[in-house]
């Protein structure tokens, strides 16, 4: 397995997410109540935009955590193995999401009720 390839993918994705984080912080800022400046519907739109920005930021932080964990697994020599069954995760699956934790079989078992 080409660990350098996956490391580069993970580092590039982390850099991309961190750049977006810096741009997105302003969108999640507190919406001020100034009825002279902003009408009620505009304020509701701003609140909705703020909620969406916060949800996006939360997803971005989870993704950054997953990337950090994948980089740690690379350093520990555990990268590419399913954390449930220990079997190797196929390279095609890792190429799509190098931060993935489980193989397809275990993922399907996790999704079953």
PDB file of N, CA and C in Angstrom:
ATOM      1  N   UNK A   1       0.844  -1.168   0.000  1.00  0.00           N
ATOM      2  CA  UNK A   1       0.000   0.000   0.000  1.00  0.00           C
ATOM      3  C   UNK A   1       0.898   1.243   0.000  1.00  0.00           C
ATOM      4  N   UNK A   2       0.511   2.246  -0.776  1.00  0.00           N
ATOM      5  CA  UNK A   2       1.283   3.478  -0.912  1.00  0.00           C
ATOM      6  C   UNK A   2       0.817   4.502   0.128  1.00  0.00           C
ATOM      7  N   UNK A   3       1.409   4.423   1.320  1.00  0.00           N
ATOM      8  CA  UNK A   3       0.999   5.306   2.412  1.00  0.00           C
ATOM      9  C   UNK A   3       1.230   6.776   2.092  1.00  0.00           C
ATOM     10  N   UNK A   4       2.262   7.084   1.329  1.00  0.00           N
ATOM     11  CA  UNK A   4       2.527   8.480   0.967  1.00  0.00           C
ATOM     12  C   UNK A   4       1.381   9.055   0.145  1.00  0.00           C
ATOM     13  N   UNK A   5       0.823   8.240  -0.741  1.00  0.00           N
ATOM     14  CA  UNK A   5      -0.320   8.677  -1.554  1.00  0.00           C
ATOM     15  C   UNK A   5      -1.492   9.063  -0.650  1.00  0.00           C
ATOM     16  N   UNK A   6      -1.829   8.189   0.297  1.00  0.00           N
ATOM     17  CA  UNK A   6      -2.953   8.457   1.183  1.00  0.00           C
ATOM     18  C   UNK A   6      -2.654   9.623   2.132  1.00  0.00           C
ATOM     19  N   UNK A   7      -1.419   9.715   2.598  1.00  0.00           N
ATOM     20  CA  UNK A   7      -1.031  10.837   3.456  1.00  0.00           C
ATOM     21  C   UNK A   7      -1.224  12.162   2.711  1.00  0.00           C
ATOM     22  N   UNK A   8      -0.797  12.189   1.448  1.00  0.00           N
ATOM     23  CA  UNK A   8      -0.950  13.405   0.641  1.00  0.00           C
ATOM     24  C   UNK A   8      -2.420  13.745   0.424  1.00  0.00           C
ATOM     25  N   UNK A   9      -3.246  12.734   0.177  1.00  0.00           N
ATOM     26  CA  UNK A   9      -4.686  12.973   0.041  1.00  0.00           C
ATOM     27  C   UNK A   9      -5.253  13.577   1.320  1.00  0.00           C
ATOM     28  N   UNK A  10      -4.902  12.995   2.457  1.00  0.00           N
ATOM     29  CA  UNK A  10      -5.408  13.467   3.743  1.00  0.00           C
ATOM     30  C   UNK A  10      -4.915  14.883   4.053  1.00  0.00           C
ATOM     31  N   UNK A  11      -3.658  15.150   3.811  1.00  0.00           N
ATOM     32  CA  UNK A  11      -3.111  16.479   4.084  1.00  0.00           C
ATOM     33  C   UNK A  11      -3.734  17.538   3.174  1.00  0.00           C
ATOM     34  N   UNK A  12      -3.962  17.194   1.919  1.00  0.00           N
ATOM     35  CA  UNK A  12      -4.595  18.135   0.992  1.00  0.00           C
ATOM     36  C   UNK A  12      -6.024  18.437   1.427  1.00  0.00           C
ATOM     37  N   UNK A  13      -6.761  17.398   1.830  1.00  0.00           N
ATOM     38  CA  UNK A  13      -8.145  17.604   2.281  1.00  0.00           C
ATOM     39  C   UNK A  13      -8.171  18.430   3.565  1.00  0.00           C
ATOM     40  N   UNK A  14      -7.227  18.173   4.476  1.00  0.00           N
ATOM     41  CA  UNK A  14      -7.177  18.941   5.717  1.00  0.00           C
ATOM     42  C   UNK A  14      -6.885  20.416   5.419  1.00  0.00           C
ATOM     43  N   UNK A  15      -5.954  20.692   4.527  1.00  0.00           N
ATOM     44  CA  UNK A  15      -5.628  22.076   4.167  1.00  0.00           C
ATOM     45  C   UNK A  15      -6.831  22.775   3.548  1.00  0.00           C
ATOM     46  N   UNK A  16      -7.554  22.047   2.709  1.00  0.00           N
ATOM     47  CA  UNK A  16      -8.757  22.598   2.076  1.00  0.00           C
ATOM     48  C   UNK A  16      -9.812  22.944   3.130  1.00  0.00           C
ATOM     49  N   UNK A  17     -10.053  22.040   4.062  1.00  0.00           N
ATOM     50  CA  UNK A  17     -11.051  22.274   5.108  1.00  0.00           C
ATOM     51  C   UNK A  17     -10.634  23.413   6.039  1.00  0.00           C
ATOM     52  N   UNK A  18      -9.359  23.509   6.341  1.00  0.00           N
ATOM     53  CA  UNK A  18      -8.892  24.586   7.210  1.00  0.00           C
ATOM     54  C   UNK A  18      -9.018  25.941   6.519  1.00  0.00           C
ATOM     55  N   UNK A  19      -8.801  25.992   5.215  1.00  0.00           N
ATOM     56  CA  UNK A  19      -8.973  27.240   4.468  1.00  0.00           C
ATOM     57  C   UNK A  19     -10.443  27.650   4.459  1.00  0.00           C
ATOM     58  N   UNK A  20     -11.330  26.684   4.269  1.00  0.00           N
ATOM     59  CA  UNK A  20     -12.759  26.965   4.269  1.00  0.00           C
ATOM     60  C   UNK A  20     -13.207  27.398   5.666  1.00  0.00           C
ATOM     61  N   UNK A  21     -12.607  26.796   6.693  1.00  0.00           N
ATOM     62  CA  UNK A  21     -12.935  27.157   8.079  1.00  0.00           C
ATOM     63  C   UNK A  21     -12.701  28.643   8.308  1.00  0.00           C
ATOM     64  N   UNK A  22     -11.569  29.138   7.843  1.00  0.00           N
ATOM     65  CA  UNK A  22     -11.232  30.546   8.029  1.00  0.00           C
ATOM     66  C   UNK A  22     -12.235  31.455   7.334  1.00  0.00           C
ATOM     67  N   UNK A  23     -12.718  31.056   6.182  1.00  0.00           N
ATOM     68  CA  UNK A  23     -13.690  31.857   5.441  1.00  0.00           C
ATOM     69  C   UNK A  23     -15.085  31.766   6.054  1.00  0.00           C
ATOM     70  N   UNK A  24     -15.416  30.606   6.624  1.00  0.00           N
ATOM     71  CA  UNK A  24     -16.769  30.371   7.102  1.00  0.00           C
ATOM     72  C   UNK A  24     -17.069  30.894   8.488  1.00  0.00           C
ATOM     73  N   UNK A  25     -16.078  31.275   9.258  1.00  0.00           N
ATOM     74  CA  UNK A  25     -16.320  31.736  10.623  1.00  0.00           C
ATOM     75  C   UNK A  25     -17.212  32.968  10.669  1.00  0.00           C
ATOM     76  N   UNK A  26     -17.096  33.859   9.710  1.00  0.00           N
ATOM     77  CA  UNK A  26     -17.910  35.076   9.705  1.00  0.00           C
ATOM     78  C   UNK A  26     -19.390  34.754   9.503  1.00  0.00           C
ATOM     79  N   UNK A  27     -19.705  33.727   8.750  1.00  0.00           N
ATOM     80  CA  UNK A  27     -21.100  33.374   8.480  1.00  0.00           C
ATOM     81  C   UNK A  27     -21.809  32.840   9.715  1.00  0.00           C
ATOM     82  N   UNK A  28     -21.064  32.297  10.660  1.00  0.00           N
ATOM     83  CA  UNK A  28     -21.659  31.729  11.859  1.00  0.00           C
ATOM     84  C   UNK A  28     -21.724  32.737  13.007  1.00  0.00           C
ATOM     85  N   UNK A  29     -21.319  33.966  12.745  1.00  0.00           N
ATOM     86  CA  UNK A  29     -21.320  34.990  13.790  1.00  0.00           C
ATOM     87  C   UNK A  29     -22.740  35.289  14.264  1.00  0.00           C
ATOM     88  N   UNK A  30     -22.837  35.859  15.454  1.00  0.00           N
ATOM     89  CA  UNK A  30     -24.127  36.176  16.061  1.00  0.00           C
ATOM     90  C   UNK A  30     -24.885  37.179  15.208  1.00  0.00           C
ATOM     91  N   UNK A  31     -26.191  36.928  15.026  1.00  0.00           N
ATOM     92  CA  UNK A  31     -27.067  37.837  14.303  1.00  0.00           C
ATOM     93  C   UNK A  31     -27.599  38.853  15.302  1.00  0.00           C
ATOM     94  N   UNK A  32     -27.348  40.123  15.013  1.00  0.00           N
ATOM     95  CA  UNK A  32     -27.767  41.170  15.937  1.00  0.00           C
ATOM     96  C   UNK A  32     -29.202  41.581  15.660  1.00  0.00           C
ATOM     97  N   UNK A  33     -29.888  41.970  16.745  1.00  0.00           N
ATOM     98  CA  UNK A  33     -31.273  42.428  16.656  1.00  0.00           C
ATOM     99  C   UNK A  33     -31.261  43.942  16.505  1.00  0.00           C
ATOM    100  N   UNK A  34     -31.400  44.399  15.281  1.00  0.00           N
ATOM    101  CA  UNK A  34     -31.438  45.829  14.991  1.00  0.00           C
ATOM    102  C   UNK A  34     -32.578  46.052  14.013  1.00  0.00           C
ATOM    103  N   UNK A  35     -33.763  46.287  14.556  1.00  0.00           N
ATOM    104  CA  UNK A  35     -34.956  46.418  13.724  1.00  0.00           C
ATOM    105  C   UNK A  35     -34.895  47.629  12.798  1.00  0.00           C
ATOM    106  N   UNK A  36     -34.068  48.625  13.114  1.00  0.00           N
ATOM    107  CA  UNK A  36     -33.967  49.790  12.238  1.00  0.00           C
ATOM    108  C   UNK A  36     -33.142  49.484  11.001  1.00  0.00           C
ATOM    109  N   UNK A  37     -32.282  48.498  11.117  1.00  0.00           N
ATOM    110  CA  UNK A  37     -31.376  48.161  10.023  1.00  0.00           C
ATOM    111  C   UNK A  37     -31.838  46.937   9.241  1.00  0.00           C
ATOM    112  N   UNK A  38     -32.412  45.982   9.941  1.00  0.00           N
ATOM    113  CA  UNK A  38     -32.784  44.713   9.325  1.00  0.00           C
ATOM    114  C   UNK A  38     -34.237  44.403   9.652  1.00  0.00           C
ATOM    115  N   UNK A  39     -35.017  44.104   8.636  1.00  0.00           N
ATOM    116  CA  UNK A  39     -36.414  43.750   8.850  1.00  0.00           C
ATOM    117  C   UNK A  39     -36.541  42.359   9.456  1.00  0.00           C
ATOM    118  N   UNK A  40     -37.754  42.034   9.914  1.00  0.00           N
ATOM    119  CA  UNK A  40     -37.986  40.757  10.583  1.00  0.00           C
ATOM    120  C   UNK A  40     -37.678  39.572   9.681  1.00  0.00           C
ATOM    121  N   UNK A  41     -38.129  39.624   8.424  1.00  0.00           N
ATOM    122  CA  UNK A  41     -37.877  38.505   7.505  1.00  0.00           C
ATOM    123  C   UNK A  41     -36.401  38.396   7.161  1.00  0.00           C
ATOM    124  N   UNK A  42     -35.740  39.525   7.021  1.00  0.00           N
ATOM    125  CA  UNK A  42     -34.301  39.492   6.746  1.00  0.00           C
ATOM    126  C   UNK A  42     -33.562  38.893   7.925  1.00  0.00           C
ATOM    127  N   UNK A  43     -34.004  39.219   9.139  1.00  0.00           N
ATOM    128  CA  UNK A  43     -33.361  38.664  10.331  1.00  0.00           C
ATOM    129  C   UNK A  43     -33.598  37.157  10.402  1.00  0.00           C
ATOM    130  N   UNK A  44     -34.808  36.713  10.047  1.00  0.00           N
ATOM    131  CA  UNK A  44     -35.091  35.272  10.038  1.00  0.00           C
ATOM    132  C   UNK A  44     -34.200  34.566   9.018  1.00  0.00           C
ATOM    133  N   UNK A  45     -34.014  35.192   7.862  1.00  0.00           N
ATOM    134  CA  UNK A  45     -33.113  34.623   6.861  1.00  0.00           C
ATOM    135  C   UNK A  45     -31.689  34.556   7.405  1.00  0.00           C
ATOM    136  N   UNK A  46     -31.274  35.622   8.087  1.00  0.00           N
ATOM    137  CA  UNK A  46     -29.920  35.648   8.648  1.00  0.00           C
ATOM    138  C   UNK A  46     -29.761  34.568   9.713  1.00  0.00           C
ATOM    139  N   UNK A  47     -30.781  34.347  10.534  1.00  0.00           N
ATOM    140  CA  UNK A  47     -30.727  33.299  11.556  1.00  0.00           C
ATOM    141  C   UNK A  47     -30.641  31.922  10.916  1.00  0.00           C
ATOM    142  N   UNK A  48     -31.406  31.720   9.845  1.00  0.00           N
ATOM    143  CA  UNK A  48     -31.353  30.436   9.136  1.00  0.00           C
ATOM    144  C   UNK A  48     -29.973  30.235   8.513  1.00  0.00           C
ATOM    145  N   UNK A  49     -29.433  31.286   7.901  1.00  0.00           N
ATOM    146  CA  UNK A  49     -28.085  31.194   7.322  1.00  0.00           C
ATOM    147  C   UNK A  49     -27.058  30.873   8.414  1.00  0.00           C
ATOM    148  N   UNK A  50     -27.222  31.493   9.582  1.00  0.00           N
ATOM    149  CA  UNK A  50     -26.314  31.252  10.700  1.00  0.00           C
ATOM    150  C   UNK A  50     -26.391  29.795  11.149  1.00  0.00           C
ATOM    151  N   UNK A  51     -27.605  29.256  11.263  1.00  0.00           N
ATOM    152  CA  UNK A  51     -27.774  27.863  11.681  1.00  0.00           C
ATOM    153  C   UNK A  51     -27.139  26.914  10.667  1.00  0.00           C
ATOM    154  N   UNK A  52     -27.317  27.212   9.388  1.00  0.00           N
ATOM    155  CA  UNK A  52     -26.716  26.365   8.352  1.00  0.00           C
ATOM    156  C   UNK A  52     -25.197  26.464   8.403  1.00  0.00           C
ATOM    157  N   UNK A  53     -24.666  27.664   8.646  1.00  0.00           N
ATOM    158  CA  UNK A  53     -23.208  27.832   8.733  1.00  0.00           C
ATOM    159  C   UNK A  53     -22.655  27.069   9.934  1.00  0.00           C
ATOM    160  N   UNK A  54     -23.377  27.088  11.041  1.00  0.00           N
ATOM    161  CA  UNK A  54     -22.926  26.346  12.223  1.00  0.00           C
ATOM    162  C   UNK A  54     -22.953  24.845  11.979  1.00  0.00           C
ATOM    163  N   UNK A  55     -23.989  24.351  11.301  1.00  0.00           N
ATOM    164  CA  UNK A  55     -24.074  22.922  10.991  1.00  0.00           C
ATOM    165  C   UNK A  55     -22.938  22.512  10.050  1.00  0.00           C
ATOM    166  N   UNK A  56     -22.660  23.354   9.077  1.00  0.00           N
ATOM    167  CA  UNK A  56     -21.562  23.084   8.150  1.00  0.00           C
ATOM    168  C   UNK A  56     -20.229  23.074   8.891  1.00  0.00           C
ATOM    169  N   UNK A  57     -20.055  24.009   9.802  1.00  0.00           N
ATOM    170  CA  UNK A  57     -18.816  24.065  10.593  1.00  0.00           C
ATOM    171  C   UNK A  57     -18.668  22.815  11.448  1.00  0.00           C
ATOM    172  N   UNK A  58     -19.773  22.332  11.998  1.00  0.00           N
ATOM    173  CA  UNK A  58     -19.743  21.121  12.816  1.00  0.00           C
ATOM    174  C   UNK A  58     -19.328  19.908  11.977  1.00  0.00           C
ATOM    175  N   UNK A  59     -19.885  19.785  10.777  1.00  0.00           N
ATOM    176  CA  UNK A  59     -19.501  18.691   9.877  1.00  0.00           C
ATOM    177  C   UNK A  59     -18.031  18.813   9.485  1.00  0.00           C
ATOM    178  N   UNK A  60     -17.579  20.031   9.235  1.00  0.00           N
ATOM    179  CA  UNK A  60     -16.188  20.253   8.872  1.00  0.00           C
ATOM    180  C   UNK A  60     -15.257  19.838  10.013  1.00  0.00           C
ATOM    181  N   UNK A  61     -15.615  20.164  11.249  1.00  0.00           N
ATOM    182  CA  UNK A  61     -14.789  19.792  12.399  1.00  0.00           C
ATOM    183  C   UNK A  61     -14.742  18.277  12.580  1.00  0.00           C
ATOM    184  N   UNK A  62     -15.882  17.605  12.353  1.00  0.00           N
ATOM    185  CA  UNK A  62     -15.888  16.135  12.433  1.00  0.00           C
ATOM    186  C   UNK A  62     -14.977  15.537  11.367  1.00  0.00           C
ATOM    187  N   UNK A  63     -15.010  16.114  10.173  1.00  0.00           N
ATOM    188  CA  UNK A  63     -14.155  15.622   9.093  1.00  0.00           C
ATOM    189  C   UNK A  63     -12.685  15.854   9.429  1.00  0.00           C
ATOM    190  N   UNK A  64     -12.364  16.998   9.998  1.00  0.00           N
ATOM    191  CA  UNK A  64     -10.983  17.262  10.403  1.00  0.00           C
ATOM    192  C   UNK A  64     -10.531  16.276  11.480  1.00  0.00           C
ATOM    193  N   UNK A  65     -11.421  15.916  12.381  1.00  0.00           N
ATOM    194  CA  UNK A  65     -11.109  14.917  13.410  1.00  0.00           C
ATOM    195  C   UNK A  65     -10.834  13.563  12.768  1.00  0.00           C
ATOM    196  N   UNK A  66     -11.671  13.171  11.800  1.00  0.00           N
ATOM    197  CA  UNK A  66     -11.472  11.901  11.094  1.00  0.00           C
ATOM    198  C   UNK A  66     -10.131  11.891  10.371  1.00  0.00           C
ATOM    199  N   UNK A  67      -9.777  13.017   9.744  1.00  0.00           N
ATOM    200  CA  UNK A  67      -8.513  13.107   9.014  1.00  0.00           C
ATOM    201  C   UNK A  67      -7.345  12.994   9.989  1.00  0.00           C
ATOM    202  N   UNK A  68      -7.440  13.669  11.128  1.00  0.00           N
ATOM    203  CA  UNK A  68      -6.390  13.574  12.140  1.00  0.00           C
ATOM    204  C   UNK A  68      -6.208  12.148  12.628  1.00  0.00           C
ATOM    205  N   UNK A  69      -7.315  11.446  12.822  1.00  0.00           N
ATOM    206  CA  UNK A  69      -7.254  10.051  13.270  1.00  0.00           C
ATOM    207  C   UNK A  69      -6.625   9.166  12.186  1.00  0.00           C
ATOM    208  N   UNK A  70      -6.949   9.423  10.920  1.00  0.00           N
ATOM    209  CA  UNK A  70      -6.373   8.633   9.826  1.00  0.00           C
ATOM    210  C   UNK A  70      -4.867   8.877   9.731  1.00  0.00           C
ATOM    211  N   UNK A  71      -4.450  10.122   9.911  1.00  0.00           N
ATOM    212  CA  UNK A  71      -3.019  10.415   9.888  1.00  0.00           C
ATOM    213  C   UNK A  71      -2.306   9.724  11.054  1.00  0.00           C
ATOM    214  N   UNK A  72      -2.953   9.669  12.206  1.00  0.00           N
ATOM    215  CA  UNK A  72      -2.372   8.963  13.360  1.00  0.00           C
ATOM    216  C   UNK A  72      -2.257   7.468  13.065  1.00  0.00           C
ATOM    217  N   UNK A  73      -3.284   6.890  12.395  1.00  0.00           N
ATOM    218  CA  UNK A  73      -3.219   5.471  12.034  1.00  0.00           C
ATOM    219  C   UNK A  73      -2.079   5.218  11.048  1.00  0.00           C
ATOM    220  N   UNK A  74      -1.844   6.178  10.142  1.00  0.00           N
ATOM    221  CA  UNK A  74      -0.708   6.051   9.222  1.00  0.00           C
ATOM    222  C   UNK A  74       0.600   6.014  10.002  1.00  0.00           C
ATOM    223  N   UNK A  75       0.735   6.901  10.972  1.00  0.00           N
ATOM    224  CA  UNK A  75       1.961   6.949  11.782  1.00  0.00           C
ATOM    225  C   UNK A  75       2.144   5.685  12.618  1.00  0.00           C
ATOM    226  N   UNK A  76       1.027   5.092  13.063  1.00  0.00           N
ATOM    227  CA  UNK A  76       1.075   3.903  13.909  1.00  0.00           C
ATOM    228  C   UNK A  76       1.158   2.598  13.115  1.00  0.00           C
ATOM    229  N   UNK A  77       1.062   2.695  11.785  1.00  0.00           N
ATOM    230  CA  UNK A  77       1.112   1.493  10.955  1.00  0.00           C
ATOM    231  C   UNK A  77      -0.205   0.722  10.929  1.00  0.00           C
ATOM    232  N   UNK A  78      -1.288   1.343  11.351  1.00  0.00           N
ATOM    233  CA  UNK A  78      -2.600   0.682  11.379  1.00  0.00           C
ATOM    234  C   UNK A  78      -3.524   1.167  10.272  1.00  0.00           C
ATOM    235  N   UNK A  79      -3.032   2.054   9.428  1.00  0.00           N
ATOM    236  CA  UNK A  79      -3.867   2.619   8.373  1.00  0.00           C
ATOM    237  C   UNK A  79      -4.241   1.552   7.356  1.00  0.00           C
ATOM    238  N   UNK A  80      -5.477   1.604   6.906  1.00  0.00           N
ATOM    239  CA  UNK A  80      -5.935   0.701   5.856  1.00  0.00           C
ATOM    240  C   UNK A  80      -6.560  -0.584   6.355  1.00  0.00           C
ATOM    241  N   UNK A  81      -6.566  -0.791   7.681  1.00  0.00           N
ATOM    242  CA  UNK A  81      -7.206  -1.976   8.258  1.00  0.00           C
ATOM    243  C   UNK A  81      -8.526  -1.574   8.899  1.00  0.00           C
ATOM    244  N   UNK A  82      -9.537  -2.375   8.701  1.00  0.00           N
ATOM    245  CA  UNK A  82     -10.852  -2.146   9.285  1.00  0.00           C
ATOM    246  C   UNK A  82     -10.736  -2.189  10.817  1.00  0.00           C
ATOM    247  N   UNK A  83     -11.325  -1.189  11.487  1.00  0.00           N
ATOM    248  CA  UNK A  83     -11.234  -1.167  12.951  1.00  0.00           C
ATOM    249  C   UNK A  83     -12.188  -2.168  13.597  1.00  0.00           C
ATOM    250  N   UNK A  84     -13.103  -2.734  12.824  1.00  0.00           N
ATOM    251  CA  UNK A  84     -14.041  -3.730  13.370  1.00  0.00           C
ATOM    252  C   UNK A  84     -13.507  -5.149  13.230  1.00  0.00           C
ATOM    253  N   UNK A  85     -13.112  -5.509  12.013  1.00  0.00           N
ATOM    254  CA  UNK A  85     -12.716  -6.905  11.770  1.00  0.00           C
ATOM    255  C   UNK A  85     -11.209  -7.080  11.567  1.00  0.00           C
ATOM    256  N   UNK A  86     -10.496  -5.968  11.341  1.00  0.00           N
ATOM    257  CA  UNK A  86      -9.051  -6.049  11.157  1.00  0.00           C
ATOM    258  C   UNK A  86      -8.608  -6.384   9.738  1.00  0.00           C
ATOM    259  N   UNK A  87      -9.548  -6.654   8.848  1.00  0.00           N
ATOM    260  CA  UNK A  87      -9.214  -6.973   7.458  1.00  0.00           C
ATOM    261  C   UNK A  87      -8.799  -5.706   6.713  1.00  0.00           C
ATOM    262  N   UNK A  88      -7.967  -5.855   5.678  1.00  0.00           N
ATOM    263  CA  UNK A  88      -7.571  -4.670   4.893  1.00  0.00           C
ATOM    264  C   UNK A  88      -8.773  -4.060   4.170  1.00  0.00           C
ATOM    265  N   UNK A  89      -8.817  -2.741   4.162  1.00  0.00           N
ATOM    266  CA  UNK A  89      -9.839  -2.013   3.413  1.00  0.00           C
ATOM    267  C   UNK A  89      -9.318  -1.888   1.984  1.00  0.00           C
ATOM    268  N   UNK A  90     -10.142  -2.214   0.982  1.00  0.00           N
ATOM    269  CA  UNK A  90      -9.674  -2.153  -0.410  1.00  0.00           C
ATOM    270  C   UNK A  90      -9.166  -0.758  -0.784  1.00  0.00           C
ATOM    271  N   UNK A  91      -8.077  -0.690  -1.553  1.00  0.00           N
ATOM    272  CA  UNK A  91      -7.509   0.603  -1.961  1.00  0.00           C
ATOM    273  C   UNK A  91      -8.510   1.515  -2.664  1.00  0.00           C
ATOM    274  N   UNK A  92      -9.431   0.946  -3.435  1.00  0.00           N
ATOM    275  CA  UNK A  92     -10.428   1.779  -4.127  1.00  0.00           C
ATOM    276  C   UNK A  92     -11.310   2.510  -3.119  1.00  0.00           C
ATOM    277  N   UNK A  93     -11.651   1.838  -2.023  1.00  0.00           N
ATOM    278  CA  UNK A  93     -12.471   2.472  -0.972  1.00  0.00           C
ATOM    279  C   UNK A  93     -11.661   3.561  -0.267  1.00  0.00           C
ATOM    280  N   UNK A  94     -10.389   3.294  -0.004  1.00  0.00           N
ATOM    281  CA  UNK A  94      -9.529   4.284   0.646  1.00  0.00           C
ATOM    282  C   UNK A  94      -9.274   5.483  -0.264  1.00  0.00           C
ATOM    283  N   UNK A  95      -9.223   5.258  -1.564  1.00  0.00           N
ATOM    284  CA  UNK A  95      -9.009   6.365  -2.499  1.00  0.00           C
ATOM    285  C   UNK A  95     -10.192   7.327  -2.483  1.00  0.00           C
ATOM    286  N   UNK A  96     -11.390   6.795  -2.279  1.00  0.00           N
ATOM    287  CA  UNK A  96     -12.590   7.633  -2.210  1.00  0.00           C
ATOM    288  C   UNK A  96     -12.613   8.413  -0.900  1.00  0.00           C
ATOM    289  N   UNK A  97     -12.296   7.730   0.198  1.00  0.00           N
ATOM    290  CA  UNK A  97     -12.285   8.363   1.520  1.00  0.00           C
ATOM    291  C   UNK A  97     -11.162   7.754   2.348  1.00  0.00           C
ATOM    292  N   UNK A  98      -9.984   8.373   2.310  1.00  0.00           N
ATOM    293  CA  UNK A  98      -8.859   7.791   3.037  1.00  0.00           C
ATOM    294  C   UNK A  98      -9.021   7.823   4.558  1.00  0.00           C
ATOM    295  N   UNK A  99     -10.026   8.524   5.055  1.00  0.00           N
ATOM    296  CA  UNK A  99     -10.266   8.572   6.502  1.00  0.00           C
ATOM    297  C   UNK A  99     -11.275   7.513   6.938  1.00  0.00           C
ATOM    298  N   UNK A 100     -11.695   6.658   6.023  1.00  0.00           N
ATOM    299  CA  UNK A 100     -12.702   5.629   6.332  1.00  0.00           C
ATOM    300  C   UNK A 100     -12.149   4.664   7.378  1.00  0.00           C
ATOM    301  N   UNK A 101     -13.024   4.194   8.254  1.00  0.00           N
ATOM    302  CA  UNK A 101     -12.608   3.334   9.356  1.00  0.00           C
ATOM    303  C   UNK A 101     -12.915   1.853   9.157  1.00  0.00           C
ATOM    304  N   UNK A 102     -13.918   1.563   8.341  1.00  0.00           N
ATOM    305  CA  UNK A 102     -14.382   0.176   8.239  1.00  0.00           C
ATOM    306  C   UNK A 102     -14.474  -0.280   6.788  1.00  0.00           C
ATOM    307  N   UNK A 103     -14.379  -1.590   6.615  1.00  0.00           N
ATOM    308  CA  UNK A 103     -14.551  -2.188   5.293  1.00  0.00           C
ATOM    309  C   UNK A 103     -16.031  -2.167   4.920  1.00  0.00           C
ATOM    310  N   UNK A 104     -16.342  -2.508   3.701  1.00  0.00           N
ATOM    311  CA  UNK A 104     -17.721  -2.487   3.218  1.00  0.00           C
ATOM    312  C   UNK A 104     -18.593  -3.455   4.022  1.00  0.00           C
ATOM    313  N   UNK A 105     -18.098  -4.652   4.268  1.00  0.00           N
ATOM    314  CA  UNK A 105     -18.896  -5.655   4.989  1.00  0.00           C
ATOM    315  C   UNK A 105     -19.265  -5.153   6.384  1.00  0.00           C
ATOM    316  N   UNK A 106     -18.319  -4.578   7.085  1.00  0.00           N
ATOM    317  CA  UNK A 106     -18.608  -4.071   8.438  1.00  0.00           C
ATOM    318  C   UNK A 106     -19.510  -2.849   8.383  1.00  0.00           C
ATOM    319  N   UNK A 107     -19.340  -2.017   7.363  1.00  0.00           N
ATOM    320  CA  UNK A 107     -20.209  -0.841   7.209  1.00  0.00           C
ATOM    321  C   UNK A 107     -21.646  -1.291   7.000  1.00  0.00           C
ATOM    322  N   UNK A 108     -21.830  -2.324   6.176  1.00  0.00           N
ATOM    323  CA  UNK A 108     -23.184  -2.833   5.937  1.00  0.00           C
ATOM    324  C   UNK A 108     -23.784  -3.425   7.215  1.00  0.00           C
ATOM    325  N   UNK A 109     -22.983  -4.092   8.003  1.00  0.00           N
ATOM    326  CA  UNK A 109     -23.476  -4.644   9.276  1.00  0.00           C
ATOM    327  C   UNK A 109     -23.868  -3.524  10.236  1.00  0.00           C
ATOM    328  N   UNK A 110     -23.125  -2.431  10.237  1.00  0.00           N
ATOM    329  CA  UNK A 110     -23.417  -1.294  11.104  1.00  0.00           C
ATOM    330  C   UNK A 110     -24.726  -0.615  10.731  1.00  0.00           C
ATOM    331  N   UNK A 111     -25.071  -0.656   9.438  1.00  0.00           N
ATOM    332  CA  UNK A 111     -26.283   0.006   8.963  1.00  0.00           C
ATOM    333  C   UNK A 111     -27.540  -0.818   9.198  1.00  0.00           C
ATOM    334  N   UNK A 112     -27.404  -2.106   9.405  1.00  0.00           N
ATOM    335  CA  UNK A 112     -28.574  -2.963   9.605  1.00  0.00           C
ATOM    336  C   UNK A 112     -29.160  -2.710  10.992  1.00  0.00           C
ATOM    337  N   UNK A 113     -30.524  -2.695  11.057  1.00  0.00           N
ATOM    338  CA  UNK A 113     -31.181  -2.455  12.358  1.00  0.00           C
ATOM    339  C   UNK A 113     -31.018  -3.603  13.331  1.00  0.00           C
TER     340      UNK A 113
END
